[in-house]
């Protein structure tokens, strides 16, 4: 259950970061570099969160399968 929430949050971070990157490149003003950095940080956080969540989900699935094979 927690892994599904983590994947949902990671997807939102990835979409938000992509939106910030797109917004920063389309409008040239004084705050564009900050939006570019924020977009890159949020996008990276989303990718890292997704990778860690998928890793955890696969790990617990493997443990569950091992326990099921023992019974």
C-alpha atoms as a PDB file:
ATOM      1  CA  UNK A   1       0.000   0.000   0.000  1.00  0.00           C
ATOM      2  CA  UNK A   2       2.786   2.399   0.901  1.00  0.00           C
ATOM      3  CA  UNK A   3       4.615   1.565  -2.322  1.00  0.00           C
ATOM      4  CA  UNK A   4       1.568   2.607  -4.353  1.00  0.00           C
ATOM      5  CA  UNK A   5       1.502   5.942  -2.544  1.00  0.00           C
ATOM      6  CA  UNK A   6       5.225   6.351  -3.169  1.00  0.00           C
ATOM      7  CA  UNK A   7       4.806   5.700  -6.876  1.00  0.00           C
ATOM      8  CA  UNK A   8       1.927   8.182  -7.042  1.00  0.00           C
ATOM      9  CA  UNK A   9       3.961  10.843  -5.270  1.00  0.00           C
ATOM     10  CA  UNK A  10       6.947  10.140  -7.517  1.00  0.00           C
ATOM     11  CA  UNK A  11       4.766  10.518 -10.605  1.00  0.00           C
ATOM     12  CA  UNK A  12       3.492  13.855  -9.324  1.00  0.00           C
ATOM     13  CA  UNK A  13       7.058  15.025  -8.638  1.00  0.00           C
ATOM     14  CA  UNK A  14       8.145  13.996 -12.126  1.00  0.00           C
ATOM     15  CA  UNK A  15       5.219  15.795 -13.756  1.00  0.00           C
ATOM     16  CA  UNK A  16       5.709  18.876 -11.589  1.00  0.00           C
ATOM     17  CA  UNK A  17       9.422  18.997 -12.335  1.00  0.00           C
ATOM     18  CA  UNK A  18       8.796  18.596 -16.058  1.00  0.00           C
ATOM     19  CA  UNK A  19       6.240  21.408 -15.934  1.00  0.00           C
ATOM     20  CA  UNK A  20       8.675  23.695 -14.098  1.00  0.00           C
ATOM     21  CA  UNK A  21      11.398  22.926 -16.634  1.00  0.00           C
ATOM     22  CA  UNK A  22       9.067  23.619 -19.537  1.00  0.00           C
ATOM     23  CA  UNK A  23       7.825  26.828 -17.926  1.00  0.00           C
ATOM     24  CA  UNK A  24      11.367  28.039 -17.225  1.00  0.00           C
ATOM     25  CA  UNK A  25      12.479  27.538 -20.815  1.00  0.00           C
ATOM     26  CA  UNK A  26       9.409  29.148 -22.392  1.00  0.00           C
ATOM     27  CA  UNK A  27       9.356  32.471 -20.524  1.00  0.00           C
ATOM     28  CA  UNK A  28      12.522  34.563 -20.363  1.00  0.00           C
ATOM     29  CA  UNK A  29      12.414  36.623 -17.171  1.00  0.00           C
ATOM     30  CA  UNK A  30      14.513  37.124 -14.054  1.00  0.00           C
ATOM     31  CA  UNK A  31      13.110  34.111 -12.188  1.00  0.00           C
ATOM     32  CA  UNK A  32      13.649  31.619 -15.041  1.00  0.00           C
ATOM     33  CA  UNK A  33      17.000  30.292 -13.724  1.00  0.00           C
ATOM     34  CA  UNK A  34      15.437  29.601 -10.323  1.00  0.00           C
ATOM     35  CA  UNK A  35      12.500  27.779 -11.906  1.00  0.00           C
ATOM     36  CA  UNK A  36      14.967  25.812 -14.015  1.00  0.00           C
ATOM     37  CA  UNK A  37      16.903  24.721 -10.919  1.00  0.00           C
ATOM     38  CA  UNK A  38      13.697  23.967  -8.998  1.00  0.00           C
ATOM     39  CA  UNK A  39      12.350  21.930 -11.899  1.00  0.00           C
ATOM     40  CA  UNK A  40      15.545  19.925 -12.155  1.00  0.00           C
ATOM     41  CA  UNK A  41      15.547  19.279  -8.392  1.00  0.00           C
ATOM     42  CA  UNK A  42      11.892  18.196  -8.290  1.00  0.00           C
ATOM     43  CA  UNK A  43      12.316  16.013 -11.386  1.00  0.00           C
ATOM     44  CA  UNK A  44      15.401  14.353  -9.875  1.00  0.00           C
ATOM     45  CA  UNK A  45      13.576  13.792  -6.575  1.00  0.00           C
ATOM     46  CA  UNK A  46      10.732  12.132  -8.462  1.00  0.00           C
ATOM     47  CA  UNK A  47      13.032   9.838 -10.399  1.00  0.00           C
ATOM     48  CA  UNK A  48      14.928   8.856  -7.247  1.00  0.00           C
ATOM     49  CA  UNK A  49      11.705   8.262  -5.323  1.00  0.00           C
ATOM     50  CA  UNK A  50      10.333   6.112  -8.137  1.00  0.00           C
ATOM     51  CA  UNK A  51      13.516   4.054  -8.333  1.00  0.00           C
ATOM     52  CA  UNK A  52      13.649   3.464  -4.579  1.00  0.00           C
ATOM     53  CA  UNK A  53       9.956   2.615  -4.403  1.00  0.00           C
ATOM     54  CA  UNK A  54      10.181   0.116  -7.249  1.00  0.00           C
ATOM     55  CA  UNK A  55      13.265  -1.427  -5.646  1.00  0.00           C
ATOM     56  CA  UNK A  56      11.429  -1.798  -2.330  1.00  0.00           C
ATOM     57  CA  UNK A  57       8.361  -3.248  -4.021  1.00  0.00           C
ATOM     58  CA  UNK A  58      10.420  -5.852  -5.865  1.00  0.00           C
ATOM     59  CA  UNK A  59      12.331  -6.737  -2.691  1.00  0.00           C
ATOM     60  CA  UNK A  60       9.159  -7.368  -0.694  1.00  0.00           C
ATOM     61  CA  UNK A  61       7.622  -9.288  -3.578  1.00  0.00           C
ATOM     62  CA  UNK A  62      10.663 -11.580  -3.597  1.00  0.00           C
ATOM     63  CA  UNK A  63      10.385 -12.149   0.179  1.00  0.00           C
ATOM     64  CA  UNK A  64       6.667 -12.846  -0.134  1.00  0.00           C
ATOM     65  CA  UNK A  65       7.339 -15.368  -2.899  1.00  0.00           C
ATOM     66  CA  UNK A  66      10.008 -17.119  -0.794  1.00  0.00           C
ATOM     67  CA  UNK A  67       7.615 -17.350   2.153  1.00  0.00           C
ATOM     68  CA  UNK A  68       4.873 -18.694  -0.079  1.00  0.00           C
ATOM     69  CA  UNK A  69       7.179 -21.374  -1.496  1.00  0.00           C
ATOM     70  CA  UNK A  70       8.050 -22.585   2.025  1.00  0.00           C
ATOM     71  CA  UNK A  71       4.457 -23.326   2.950  1.00  0.00           C
END
